[in-house]
Amino acid sequence: MMEPILESLREEYQGRMDVVFIDVGKDPKAAEPYAIQSIPTQIYYDAAGTERWRHVGYLSQEDILAGLLAEGVTLPEK
């Protein structure tokens, strides 16, 4: 359910924000470096690579953007 939302964000913010989707169902070892224990898990980083926010469960695109703003992440202009 999250993949289409992340793809939409990737397209909408192309060149201004990186959106990376890792399918840990296909590659369970990929979850280890991120300490993912449940899916879906979203991890949000700022431009410096610092984790700003982590959420387990479904989030709409609007909730993702609102969560980033609440964490003080400056979203790039469209």
N, C-alpha and C. Protein backbone atom coordinates (compact mmCIF):
# COMPACT_ATOMS: atom_id res chain seq x y z
N MET A 1 0.81 -1.20 0.00
CA MET A 1 0.00 0.00 0.00
C MET A 1 0.85 1.27 0.00
N MET A 2 2.03 1.20 0.57
CA MET A 2 2.88 2.40 0.66
C MET A 2 3.63 2.68 -0.64
N GLU A 3 3.91 1.65 -1.42
CA GLU A 3 4.74 1.85 -2.62
C GLU A 3 4.17 2.91 -3.57
N PRO A 4 2.86 2.92 -3.90
CA PRO A 4 2.35 3.97 -4.79
C PRO A 4 2.48 5.37 -4.20
N ILE A 5 2.33 5.48 -2.89
CA ILE A 5 2.47 6.78 -2.24
C ILE A 5 3.90 7.27 -2.34
N LEU A 6 4.84 6.38 -2.07
CA LEU A 6 6.25 6.77 -2.16
C LEU A 6 6.64 7.10 -3.59
N GLU A 7 6.09 6.37 -4.55
CA GLU A 7 6.37 6.67 -5.96
C GLU A 7 5.82 8.04 -6.33
N SER A 8 4.65 8.38 -5.83
CA SER A 8 4.06 9.69 -6.08
C SER A 8 4.95 10.80 -5.51
N LEU A 9 5.43 10.61 -4.28
CA LEU A 9 6.34 11.59 -3.67
C LEU A 9 7.64 11.70 -4.47
N ARG A 10 8.16 10.56 -4.94
CA ARG A 10 9.39 10.55 -5.73
C ARG A 10 9.21 11.38 -7.00
N GLU A 11 8.08 11.21 -7.66
CA GLU A 11 7.81 11.97 -8.89
C GLU A 11 7.58 13.45 -8.60
N GLU A 12 6.78 13.73 -7.58
CA GLU A 12 6.41 15.11 -7.26
C GLU A 12 7.62 15.95 -6.81
N TYR A 13 8.54 15.33 -6.11
CA TYR A 13 9.69 16.05 -5.56
C TYR A 13 11.00 15.66 -6.24
N GLN A 14 10.93 15.13 -7.46
CA GLN A 14 12.12 14.70 -8.19
C GLN A 14 13.15 15.84 -8.27
N GLY A 15 14.38 15.50 -7.92
CA GLY A 15 15.46 16.47 -7.95
C GLY A 15 15.53 17.35 -6.72
N ARG A 16 14.54 17.24 -5.83
CA ARG A 16 14.51 18.07 -4.63
C ARG A 16 14.48 17.26 -3.35
N MET A 17 14.06 15.98 -3.47
CA MET A 17 13.99 15.11 -2.32
C MET A 17 14.19 13.68 -2.80
N ASP A 18 15.00 12.92 -2.11
CA ASP A 18 15.21 11.51 -2.47
C ASP A 18 14.18 10.66 -1.74
N VAL A 19 13.53 9.79 -2.49
CA VAL A 19 12.59 8.83 -1.91
C VAL A 19 13.09 7.45 -2.33
N VAL A 20 13.41 6.64 -1.35
CA VAL A 20 13.97 5.31 -1.61
C VAL A 20 13.04 4.27 -1.00
N PHE A 21 12.67 3.27 -1.80
CA PHE A 21 11.82 2.19 -1.32
C PHE A 21 12.65 0.91 -1.31
N ILE A 22 12.69 0.27 -0.16
CA ILE A 22 13.40 -1.01 -0.03
C ILE A 22 12.35 -2.06 0.29
N ASP A 23 12.21 -3.04 -0.58
CA ASP A 23 11.24 -4.10 -0.39
C ASP A 23 11.87 -5.19 0.46
N VAL A 24 11.68 -5.10 1.76
CA VAL A 24 12.30 -6.08 2.67
C VAL A 24 11.60 -7.43 2.60
N GLY A 25 10.43 -7.48 1.97
CA GLY A 25 9.80 -8.76 1.72
C GLY A 25 10.59 -9.57 0.72
N LYS A 26 11.18 -8.88 -0.25
CA LYS A 26 12.01 -9.54 -1.27
C LYS A 26 13.45 -9.70 -0.80
N ASP A 27 13.90 -8.80 0.07
CA ASP A 27 15.28 -8.83 0.55
C ASP A 27 15.29 -8.57 2.06
N PRO A 28 14.97 -9.60 2.87
CA PRO A 28 14.87 -9.40 4.32
C PRO A 28 16.15 -8.87 4.97
N LYS A 29 17.30 -9.19 4.44
CA LYS A 29 18.57 -8.70 5.00
C LYS A 29 18.69 -7.19 4.89
N ALA A 30 17.98 -6.60 3.93
CA ALA A 30 18.04 -5.14 3.75
C ALA A 30 17.46 -4.40 4.94
N ALA A 31 16.64 -5.07 5.75
CA ALA A 31 16.03 -4.43 6.92
C ALA A 31 17.01 -4.29 8.08
N GLU A 32 18.00 -5.15 8.14
CA GLU A 32 18.91 -5.19 9.29
C GLU A 32 19.62 -3.88 9.60
N PRO A 33 20.22 -3.20 8.61
CA PRO A 33 20.94 -1.96 8.95
C PRO A 33 20.03 -0.85 9.51
N TYR A 34 18.74 -0.98 9.26
CA TYR A 34 17.79 0.05 9.68
C TYR A 34 16.96 -0.37 10.90
N ALA A 35 17.24 -1.55 11.45
CA ALA A 35 16.53 -2.08 12.63
C ALA A 35 15.02 -2.15 12.39
N ILE A 36 14.63 -2.53 11.19
CA ILE A 36 13.21 -2.65 10.86
C ILE A 36 12.73 -4.00 11.36
N GLN A 37 11.67 -3.96 12.16
CA GLN A 37 11.11 -5.19 12.71
C GLN A 37 9.68 -5.43 12.24
N SER A 38 9.04 -4.43 11.67
CA SER A 38 7.67 -4.53 11.19
C SER A 38 7.57 -3.79 9.87
N ILE A 39 6.66 -4.26 9.02
CA ILE A 39 6.43 -3.54 7.78
C ILE A 39 4.95 -3.18 7.68
N PRO A 40 4.67 -2.01 7.12
CA PRO A 40 5.62 -1.06 6.58
C PRO A 40 6.26 -0.19 7.67
N THR A 41 7.51 0.12 7.48
CA THR A 41 8.23 1.08 8.31
C THR A 41 8.78 2.15 7.39
N GLN A 42 8.54 3.40 7.73
CA GLN A 42 9.10 4.50 6.98
C GLN A 42 10.11 5.22 7.87
N ILE A 43 11.25 5.53 7.29
CA ILE A 43 12.29 6.27 8.02
C ILE A 43 12.58 7.52 7.19
N TYR A 44 12.55 8.65 7.84
CA TYR A 44 12.73 9.93 7.15
C TYR A 44 14.00 10.59 7.67
N TYR A 45 14.82 11.03 6.72
CA TYR A 45 16.11 11.65 7.03
C TYR A 45 16.12 13.08 6.51
N ASP A 46 16.90 13.93 7.16
CA ASP A 46 17.09 15.28 6.64
C ASP A 46 18.23 15.26 5.63
N ALA A 47 18.55 16.42 5.08
CA ALA A 47 19.57 16.52 4.04
C ALA A 47 20.94 16.08 4.52
N ALA A 48 21.18 16.17 5.83
CA ALA A 48 22.48 15.77 6.39
C ALA A 48 22.54 14.26 6.66
N GLY A 49 21.43 13.56 6.43
CA GLY A 49 21.42 12.12 6.67
C GLY A 49 21.04 11.72 8.08
N THR A 50 20.56 12.67 8.86
CA THR A 50 20.14 12.40 10.23
C THR A 50 18.69 11.91 10.23
N GLU A 51 18.45 10.80 10.91
CA GLU A 51 17.07 10.32 11.00
C GLU A 51 16.25 11.34 11.78
N ARG A 52 15.15 11.78 11.19
CA ARG A 52 14.29 12.78 11.82
C ARG A 52 13.01 12.19 12.37
N TRP A 53 12.56 11.07 11.73
CA TRP A 53 11.25 10.56 12.09
C TRP A 53 11.13 9.13 11.58
N ARG A 54 10.52 8.28 12.36
CA ARG A 54 10.29 6.89 11.99
C ARG A 54 8.84 6.56 12.31
N HIS A 55 8.21 5.86 11.40
CA HIS A 55 6.81 5.48 11.61
C HIS A 55 6.60 4.04 11.14
N VAL A 56 5.88 3.27 11.95
CA VAL A 56 5.51 1.91 11.58
C VAL A 56 4.02 1.90 11.29
N GLY A 57 3.66 1.44 10.10
CA GLY A 57 2.26 1.38 9.69
C GLY A 57 2.02 2.26 8.47
N TYR A 58 0.81 2.24 8.02
CA TYR A 58 0.43 2.99 6.83
C TYR A 58 0.37 4.49 7.13
N LEU A 59 0.79 5.29 6.16
CA LEU A 59 0.64 6.75 6.20
C LEU A 59 0.22 7.22 4.82
N SER A 60 -0.73 8.14 4.76
CA SER A 60 -1.10 8.76 3.50
C SER A 60 0.00 9.75 3.11
N GLN A 61 -0.02 10.18 1.86
CA GLN A 61 0.95 11.18 1.41
C GLN A 61 0.82 12.46 2.22
N GLU A 62 -0.41 12.86 2.49
CA GLU A 62 -0.64 14.08 3.27
C GLU A 62 -0.07 13.94 4.68
N ASP A 63 -0.25 12.77 5.29
CA ASP A 63 0.29 12.54 6.64
C ASP A 63 1.81 12.52 6.64
N ILE A 64 2.41 11.99 5.59
CA ILE A 64 3.87 11.99 5.48
C ILE A 64 4.39 13.42 5.43
N LEU A 65 3.80 14.23 4.56
CA LEU A 65 4.26 15.61 4.43
C LEU A 65 4.02 16.39 5.72
N ALA A 66 2.87 16.18 6.36
CA ALA A 66 2.59 16.87 7.63
C ALA A 66 3.57 16.42 8.72
N GLY A 67 3.89 15.15 8.75
CA GLY A 67 4.84 14.64 9.74
C GLY A 67 6.23 15.22 9.56
N LEU A 68 6.65 15.33 8.31
CA LEU A 68 7.96 15.93 8.04
C LEU A 68 7.99 17.38 8.50
N LEU A 69 6.93 18.12 8.17
CA LEU A 69 6.87 19.52 8.61
C LEU A 69 6.86 19.63 10.13
N ALA A 70 6.14 18.74 10.80
CA ALA A 70 6.09 18.75 12.26
C ALA A 70 7.45 18.47 12.88
N GLU A 71 8.28 17.72 12.17
CA GLU A 71 9.64 17.41 12.65
C GLU A 71 10.63 18.51 12.29
N GLY A 72 10.16 19.56 11.63
CA GLY A 72 11.01 20.67 11.29
C GLY A 72 11.77 20.51 9.98
N VAL A 73 11.39 19.53 9.19
CA VAL A 73 12.05 19.33 7.90
C VAL A 73 11.47 20.34 6.91
N THR A 74 12.33 21.07 6.25
CA THR A 74 11.91 22.03 5.24
C THR A 74 11.69 21.29 3.94
N LEU A 75 10.47 21.30 3.45
CA LEU A 75 10.16 20.62 2.21
C LEU A 75 10.55 21.50 1.02
N PRO A 76 11.12 20.89 0.01
CA PRO A 76 11.50 21.66 -1.17
C PRO A 76 10.27 22.18 -1.91
N GLU A 77 10.39 23.34 -2.48
CA GLU A 77 9.29 23.93 -3.26
C GLU A 77 9.02 23.06 -4.47
N LYS A 78 7.76 22.99 -4.84
CA LYS A 78 7.36 22.22 -6.02
C LYS A 78 7.66 23.00 -7.27
